[in-house]
Amino acid sequence: MRVFLEQAAFYPHVRGRKAQVDPEIFRKAQRAITDRKISNVFYRAITTGQSKTYPIMPFRFLYHYDGVYLLCRNPKYGNLLTLAAERIQNLEVTSESFDDSVDSEIEEQLHQAFGVVLESPIAVSVRFSASLAPYIKQRIWHPSQEIEELDDGRIILSFEAGGHYEIKSLILSRGACAEVLAPGSAHLITDRSRITTRLSSMRM
């Protein structure tokens, strides 16, 4: 599809695009994935701004919302990680191999994820306004989703997925057109109230 668009009358809309991935790092990671080699990655965490080196077992690249992520596991702790590729500052492939058997846990967590964040799934139910309903209905947000159409044109989107931040982003980006019905906790609502308050205070 992308090749077709580039060959057609296509003007790329680049606002909000992520930084490009270093081609050399991409090639190294691809070789490590193919050869199943443990690699040492020098990675900058977005939360702390600090960079550190640690070993990873790279499994595959994931493409999500114009971003490339490296799905891997830390062999020291065993936890699955999704590293933003543009924040990988260096990657060195070692001679040490790792088990190339199919990891059912990876497939299960990817199936449960709303995006690329691998977390325990939660049950989510959101009611959308009638004006937004056509847009919501035309997309598959998650494999587990169910849509209930209400008599007044509104819809209720329900699914069970992991990735609290990504789910919250979906809801907040729809503003007053989205109302959280579940989960019952305030986790998915608190930030909206804070943002609304700030916007109200900024009005002249």
C-alpha atoms as a PDB file:
ATOM      1  CA  MET A   1       0.000   0.000   0.000  1.00  0.00           C
ATOM      2  CA  ARG A   2       2.795   2.410   0.898  1.00  0.00           C
ATOM      3  CA  VAL A   3       4.630   1.657  -2.379  1.00  0.00           C
ATOM      4  CA  PHE A   4       1.417   2.319  -4.304  1.00  0.00           C
ATOM      5  CA  LEU A   5       0.926   5.663  -2.557  1.00  0.00           C
ATOM      6  CA  GLU A   6       4.497   6.733  -3.198  1.00  0.00           C
ATOM      7  CA  GLN A   7       4.068   5.981  -6.888  1.00  0.00           C
ATOM      8  CA  ALA A   8       0.772   7.872  -7.033  1.00  0.00           C
ATOM      9  CA  ALA A   9       0.110  11.568  -6.447  1.00  0.00           C
ATOM     10  CA  PHE A  10       1.038  11.301  -2.801  1.00  0.00           C
ATOM     11  CA  TYR A  11       2.164  14.074  -0.483  1.00  0.00           C
ATOM     12  CA  PRO A  12       3.341  12.752   2.896  1.00  0.00           C
ATOM     13  CA  HIS A  13       1.789  14.392   5.951  1.00  0.00           C
ATOM     14  CA  VAL A  14       4.693  14.302   8.392  1.00  0.00           C
ATOM     15  CA  ARG A  15       3.354  16.166  11.424  1.00  0.00           C
ATOM     16  CA  GLY A  16       3.946  14.187  14.594  1.00  0.00           C
ATOM     17  CA  ARG A  17       6.213  11.691  12.857  1.00  0.00           C
ATOM     18  CA  LYS A  18       8.694   9.948  15.117  1.00  0.00           C
ATOM     19  CA  ALA A  19      12.448  10.238  14.709  1.00  0.00           C
ATOM     20  CA  GLN A  20      13.894   7.885  12.123  1.00  0.00           C
ATOM     21  CA  VAL A  21      15.548   4.629  13.145  1.00  0.00           C
ATOM     22  CA  ASP A  22      19.295   4.387  12.533  1.00  0.00           C
ATOM     23  CA  PRO A  23      19.576   2.020   9.510  1.00  0.00           C
ATOM     24  CA  GLU A  24      22.689   0.369  10.936  1.00  0.00           C
ATOM     25  CA  ILE A  25      20.936  -0.421  14.206  1.00  0.00           C
ATOM     26  CA  PHE A  26      17.969  -1.761  12.248  1.00  0.00           C
ATOM     27  CA  ARG A  27      20.256  -4.064  10.224  1.00  0.00           C
ATOM     28  CA  LYS A  28      22.007  -5.331  13.349  1.00  0.00           C
ATOM     29  CA  ALA A  29      18.715  -6.014  15.098  1.00  0.00           C
ATOM     30  CA  GLN A  30      17.321  -7.791  12.063  1.00  0.00           C
ATOM     31  CA  ARG A  31      20.386 -10.048  11.942  1.00  0.00           C
ATOM     32  CA  ALA A  32      20.071 -10.796  15.666  1.00  0.00           C
ATOM     33  CA  ILE A  33      16.385 -11.667  15.197  1.00  0.00           C
ATOM     34  CA  THR A  34      17.118 -13.960  12.240  1.00  0.00           C
ATOM     35  CA  ASP A  35      20.106 -15.677  13.866  1.00  0.00           C
ATOM     36  CA  ARG A  36      18.519 -15.743  17.355  1.00  0.00           C
ATOM     37  CA  LYS A  37      21.473 -13.990  18.980  1.00  0.00           C
ATOM     38  CA  ILE A  38      21.474 -12.268  22.347  1.00  0.00           C
ATOM     39  CA  SER A  39      22.390  -8.608  21.892  1.00  0.00           C
ATOM     40  CA  ASN A  40      23.509  -5.775  24.130  1.00  0.00           C
ATOM     41  CA  VAL A  41      21.346  -2.701  23.654  1.00  0.00           C
ATOM     42  CA  PHE A  42      22.169   0.859  24.694  1.00  0.00           C
ATOM     43  CA  TYR A  43      18.731   2.385  25.255  1.00  0.00           C
ATOM     44  CA  ARG A  44      17.421   5.751  26.411  1.00  0.00           C
ATOM     45  CA  ALA A  45      14.346   5.526  28.629  1.00  0.00           C
ATOM     46  CA  ILE A  46      11.738   8.200  27.899  1.00  0.00           C
ATOM     47  CA  THR A  47      10.620   8.393  31.547  1.00  0.00           C
ATOM     48  CA  THR A  48      14.041   9.155  33.029  1.00  0.00           C
ATOM     49  CA  GLY A  49      15.970  10.440  30.020  1.00  0.00           C
ATOM     50  CA  GLN A  50      18.830   8.184  31.091  1.00  0.00           C
ATOM     51  CA  SER A  51      20.579   5.618  28.904  1.00  0.00           C
ATOM     52  CA  LYS A  52      21.884   2.242  29.976  1.00  0.00           C
ATOM     53  CA  THR A  53      23.136  -1.001  28.447  1.00  0.00           C
ATOM     54  CA  TYR A  54      21.548  -4.381  29.048  1.00  0.00           C
ATOM     55  CA  PRO A  55      21.200  -7.720  27.224  1.00  0.00           C
ATOM     56  CA  ILE A  56      18.107  -8.592  25.188  1.00  0.00           C
ATOM     57  CA  MET A  57      16.743 -11.501  23.203  1.00  0.00           C
ATOM     58  CA  PRO A  58      15.185  -9.762  20.141  1.00  0.00           C
ATOM     59  CA  PHE A  59      12.072 -11.402  18.668  1.00  0.00           C
ATOM     60  CA  ARG A  60      10.532  -9.075  16.073  1.00  0.00           C
ATOM     61  CA  PHE A  61       9.789  -5.525  15.034  1.00  0.00           C
ATOM     62  CA  LEU A  62       6.308  -4.089  15.560  1.00  0.00           C
ATOM     63  CA  TYR A  63       4.884  -1.170  13.577  1.00  0.00           C
ATOM     64  CA  HIS A  64       2.284   0.915  15.396  1.00  0.00           C
ATOM     65  CA  TYR A  65       0.990   4.453  14.704  1.00  0.00           C
ATOM     66  CA  ASP A  66       4.010   5.501  12.623  1.00  0.00           C
ATOM     67  CA  GLY A  67       6.386   4.095  15.236  1.00  0.00           C
ATOM     68  CA  VAL A  68       8.701   1.076  15.089  1.00  0.00           C
ATOM     69  CA  TYR A  69       9.202  -1.008  18.227  1.00  0.00           C
ATOM     70  CA  LEU A  70      11.518  -3.894  19.010  1.00  0.00           C
ATOM     71  CA  LEU A  71       9.840  -6.716  20.913  1.00  0.00           C
ATOM     72  CA  CYS A  72      12.407  -8.467  23.077  1.00  0.00           C
ATOM     73  CA  ARG A  73      13.043 -10.159  26.391  1.00  0.00           C
ATOM     74  CA  ASN A  74      15.604  -9.363  29.050  1.00  0.00           C
ATOM     75  CA  PRO A  75      17.283 -12.755  29.714  1.00  0.00           C
ATOM     76  CA  LYS A  76      18.361 -11.613  33.173  1.00  0.00           C
ATOM     77  CA  TYR A  77      14.827 -10.918  34.417  1.00  0.00           C
ATOM     78  CA  GLY A  78      12.694 -12.751  31.841  1.00  0.00           C
ATOM     79  CA  ASN A  79      10.310  -9.853  31.278  1.00  0.00           C
ATOM     80  CA  LEU A  80       9.037  -8.895  27.828  1.00  0.00           C
ATOM     81  CA  LEU A  81       9.905  -5.414  26.590  1.00  0.00           C
ATOM     82  CA  THR A  82       8.806  -3.182  23.715  1.00  0.00           C
ATOM     83  CA  LEU A  83      11.615  -0.758  22.934  1.00  0.00           C
ATOM     84  CA  ALA A  84      10.973   2.309  20.781  1.00  0.00           C
ATOM     85  CA  ALA A  85      13.449   1.772  17.949  1.00  0.00           C
ATOM     86  CA  GLU A  86      14.367   5.463  17.624  1.00  0.00           C
ATOM     87  CA  ARG A  87      15.610   5.459  21.240  1.00  0.00           C
ATOM     88  CA  ILE A  88      18.011   2.562  20.664  1.00  0.00           C
ATOM     89  CA  GLN A  89      21.351   4.346  20.580  1.00  0.00           C
ATOM     90  CA  ASN A  90      23.467   1.279  19.905  1.00  0.00           C
ATOM     91  CA  LEU A  91      23.051  -2.466  19.541  1.00  0.00           C
ATOM     92  CA  GLU A  92      25.810  -5.062  19.483  1.00  0.00           C
ATOM     93  CA  VAL A  93      25.093  -8.643  18.458  1.00  0.00           C
ATOM     94  CA  THR A  94      26.878 -11.272  20.540  1.00  0.00           C
ATOM     95  CA  SER A  95      27.829 -14.834  19.610  1.00  0.00           C
ATOM     96  CA  GLU A  96      25.507 -16.266  22.279  1.00  0.00           C
ATOM     97  CA  SER A  97      22.337 -17.881  20.935  1.00  0.00           C
ATOM     98  CA  PHE A  98      18.944 -18.158  22.614  1.00  0.00           C
ATOM     99  CA  ASP A  99      16.186 -20.731  22.288  1.00  0.00           C
ATOM    100  CA  ASP A 100      14.323 -20.248  19.026  1.00  0.00           C
ATOM    101  CA  SER A 101      11.270 -22.261  20.037  1.00  0.00           C
ATOM    102  CA  VAL A 102       7.879 -20.587  19.682  1.00  0.00           C
ATOM    103  CA  ASP A 103       7.104 -18.525  22.765  1.00  0.00           C
ATOM    104  CA  SER A 104       3.374 -18.887  23.400  1.00  0.00           C
ATOM    105  CA  GLU A 105       3.523 -16.143  26.039  1.00  0.00           C
ATOM    106  CA  ILE A 106       4.577 -13.616  23.397  1.00  0.00           C
ATOM    107  CA  GLU A 107       1.680 -14.451  21.113  1.00  0.00           C
ATOM    108  CA  GLU A 108      -0.773 -14.360  24.010  1.00  0.00           C
ATOM    109  CA  GLN A 109       0.420 -10.970  25.257  1.00  0.00           C
ATOM    110  CA  LEU A 110       0.416  -9.486  21.764  1.00  0.00           C
ATOM    111  CA  HIS A 111      -3.148 -10.717  21.294  1.00  0.00           C
ATOM    112  CA  GLN A 112      -4.182  -9.093  24.574  1.00  0.00           C
ATOM    113  CA  ALA A 113      -2.395  -5.783  23.941  1.00  0.00           C
ATOM    114  CA  PHE A 114      -4.373  -2.763  22.792  1.00  0.00           C
ATOM    115  CA  GLY A 115      -1.242  -1.462  21.060  1.00  0.00           C
ATOM    116  CA  VAL A 116       2.379  -2.306  21.824  1.00  0.00           C
ATOM    117  CA  VAL A 117       2.369  -1.993  25.624  1.00  0.00           C
ATOM    118  CA  LEU A 118       2.294  -5.459  27.186  1.00  0.00           C
ATOM    119  CA  GLU A 119       0.237  -5.346  30.384  1.00  0.00           C
ATOM    120  CA  SER A 120      -2.425  -7.429  32.061  1.00  0.00           C
ATOM    121  CA  PRO A 121      -5.759  -6.935  30.285  1.00  0.00           C
ATOM    122  CA  ILE A 122      -8.618  -4.956  31.817  1.00  0.00           C
ATOM    123  CA  ALA A 123     -12.284  -4.850  30.821  1.00  0.00           C
ATOM    124  CA  VAL A 124     -13.083  -1.523  29.165  1.00  0.00           C
ATOM    125  CA  SER A 125     -16.435  -0.132  28.089  1.00  0.00           C
ATOM    126  CA  VAL A 126     -16.821   3.306  26.507  1.00  0.00           C
ATOM    127  CA  ARG A 127     -19.963   5.036  25.247  1.00  0.00           C
ATOM    128  CA  PHE A 128     -19.444   7.249  22.189  1.00  0.00           C
ATOM    129  CA  SER A 129     -21.683   9.992  20.865  1.00  0.00           C
ATOM    130  CA  ALA A 130     -23.835   9.509  17.780  1.00  0.00           C
ATOM    131  CA  SER A 131     -21.640  11.892  15.787  1.00  0.00           C
ATOM    132  CA  LEU A 132     -18.549   9.804  16.499  1.00  0.00           C
ATOM    133  CA  ALA A 133     -20.222   6.395  16.173  1.00  0.00           C
ATOM    134  CA  PRO A 134     -19.600   5.898  12.413  1.00  0.00           C
ATOM    135  CA  TYR A 135     -15.880   6.504  12.846  1.00  0.00           C
ATOM    136  CA  ILE A 136     -15.596   4.148  15.826  1.00  0.00           C
ATOM    137  CA  LYS A 137     -17.559   1.398  14.069  1.00  0.00           C
ATOM    138  CA  GLN A 138     -15.391   1.390  10.960  1.00  0.00           C
ATOM    139  CA  ARG A 139     -12.225   0.385  12.808  1.00  0.00           C
ATOM    140  CA  ILE A 140     -11.112  -2.748  14.622  1.00  0.00           C
ATOM    141  CA  TRP A 141      -9.712  -1.425  17.878  1.00  0.00           C
ATOM    142  CA  HIS A 142      -9.050  -4.838  19.413  1.00  0.00           C
ATOM    143  CA  PRO A 143      -9.848  -8.474  18.497  1.00  0.00           C
ATOM    144  CA  SER A 144     -12.051  -8.834  21.576  1.00  0.00           C
ATOM    145  CA  GLN A 145     -14.197  -5.777  20.837  1.00  0.00           C
ATOM    146  CA  GLU A 146     -17.988  -5.779  20.852  1.00  0.00           C
ATOM    147  CA  ILE A 147     -20.163  -2.864  19.746  1.00  0.00           C
ATOM    148  CA  GLU A 148     -23.657  -2.233  21.062  1.00  0.00           C
ATOM    149  CA  GLU A 149     -25.766   0.199  19.062  1.00  0.00           C
ATOM    150  CA  LEU A 150     -28.183   2.304  21.107  1.00  0.00           C
ATOM    151  CA  ASP A 151     -31.560   3.663  19.960  1.00  0.00           C
ATOM    152  CA  ASP A 152     -30.372   7.284  20.027  1.00  0.00           C
ATOM    153  CA  GLY A 153     -27.447   6.625  17.661  1.00  0.00           C
ATOM    154  CA  ARG A 154     -24.790   6.325  20.339  1.00  0.00           C
ATOM    155  CA  ILE A 155     -22.703   3.148  20.638  1.00  0.00           C
ATOM    156  CA  ILE A 156     -20.908   1.305  23.414  1.00  0.00           C
ATOM    157  CA  LEU A 157     -17.487  -0.116  22.564  1.00  0.00           C
ATOM    158  CA  SER A 158     -16.359  -2.905  24.893  1.00  0.00           C
ATOM    159  CA  PHE A 159     -13.136  -4.899  24.878  1.00  0.00           C
ATOM    160  CA  GLU A 160     -10.619  -6.547  27.187  1.00  0.00           C
ATOM    161  CA  ALA A 161      -7.042  -5.473  26.588  1.00  0.00           C
ATOM    162  CA  GLY A 162      -3.792  -4.392  28.184  1.00  0.00           C
ATOM    163  CA  GLY A 163      -2.082  -1.060  27.684  1.00  0.00           C
ATOM    164  CA  HIS A 164      -3.550   1.475  30.098  1.00  0.00           C
ATOM    165  CA  TYR A 165      -1.797   4.489  28.571  1.00  0.00           C
ATOM    166  CA  GLU A 166      -2.845   3.658  25.009  1.00  0.00           C
ATOM    167  CA  ILE A 167      -6.452   3.010  26.008  1.00  0.00           C
ATOM    168  CA  LYS A 168      -6.536   6.265  27.956  1.00  0.00           C
ATOM    169  CA  SER A 169      -5.143   8.127  24.929  1.00  0.00           C
ATOM    170  CA  LEU A 170      -7.989   6.813  22.774  1.00  0.00           C
ATOM    171  CA  ILE A 171     -10.581   8.032  25.275  1.00  0.00           C
ATOM    172  CA  LEU A 172      -9.018  11.430  25.980  1.00  0.00           C
ATOM    173  CA  SER A 173      -8.554  12.176  22.276  1.00  0.00           C
ATOM    174  CA  ARG A 174     -12.341  11.894  21.781  1.00  0.00           C
ATOM    175  CA  GLY A 175     -13.070  14.528  24.412  1.00  0.00           C
ATOM    176  CA  ALA A 176     -16.671  14.874  25.568  1.00  0.00           C
ATOM    177  CA  CYS A 177     -17.800  12.444  22.845  1.00  0.00           C
ATOM    178  CA  ALA A 178     -16.505   9.506  24.916  1.00  0.00           C
ATOM    179  CA  GLU A 179     -17.807   8.434  28.315  1.00  0.00           C
ATOM    180  CA  VAL A 180     -16.067   5.707  30.319  1.00  0.00           C
ATOM    181  CA  LEU A 181     -18.490   3.109  31.662  1.00  0.00           C
ATOM    182  CA  ALA A 182     -15.885   0.574  32.799  1.00  0.00           C
ATOM    183  CA  PRO A 183     -13.593   0.064  34.588  1.00  0.00           C
ATOM    184  CA  GLY A 184     -15.326   1.629  37.548  1.00  0.00           C
ATOM    185  CA  SER A 185     -12.095   3.070  38.947  1.00  0.00           C
ATOM    186  CA  ALA A 186     -11.141   6.644  38.203  1.00  0.00           C
ATOM    187  CA  HIS A 187      -7.879   5.708  36.438  1.00  0.00           C
ATOM    188  CA  LEU A 188      -9.217   6.351  32.934  1.00  0.00           C
ATOM    189  CA  ILE A 189     -11.141   9.474  33.946  1.00  0.00           C
ATOM    190  CA  THR A 190      -8.845  11.456  36.237  1.00  0.00           C
ATOM    191  CA  ASP A 191      -6.638  12.866  33.485  1.00  0.00           C
ATOM    192  CA  ARG A 192      -9.635  14.037  31.468  1.00  0.00           C
ATOM    193  CA  SER A 193     -10.913  16.027  34.440  1.00  0.00           C
ATOM    194  CA  ARG A 194      -7.467  17.566  34.921  1.00  0.00           C
ATOM    195  CA  ILE A 195      -7.158  18.467  31.232  1.00  0.00           C
ATOM    196  CA  THR A 196     -10.684  19.952  31.132  1.00  0.00           C
ATOM    197  CA  THR A 197      -9.913  22.068  34.171  1.00  0.00           C
ATOM    198  CA  ARG A 198      -6.687  23.366  32.614  1.00  0.00           C
ATOM    199  CA  LEU A 199      -8.382  24.193  29.310  1.00  0.00           C
ATOM    200  CA  SER A 200     -11.161  26.042  31.122  1.00  0.00           C
ATOM    201  CA  SER A 201      -8.629  28.138  33.057  1.00  0.00           C
ATOM    202  CA  MET A 202      -6.878  29.070  29.789  1.00  0.00           C
ATOM    203  CA  ARG A 203      -9.990  30.510  28.169  1.00  0.00           C
ATOM    204  CA  MET A 204     -10.077  34.306  27.965  1.00  0.00           C
END
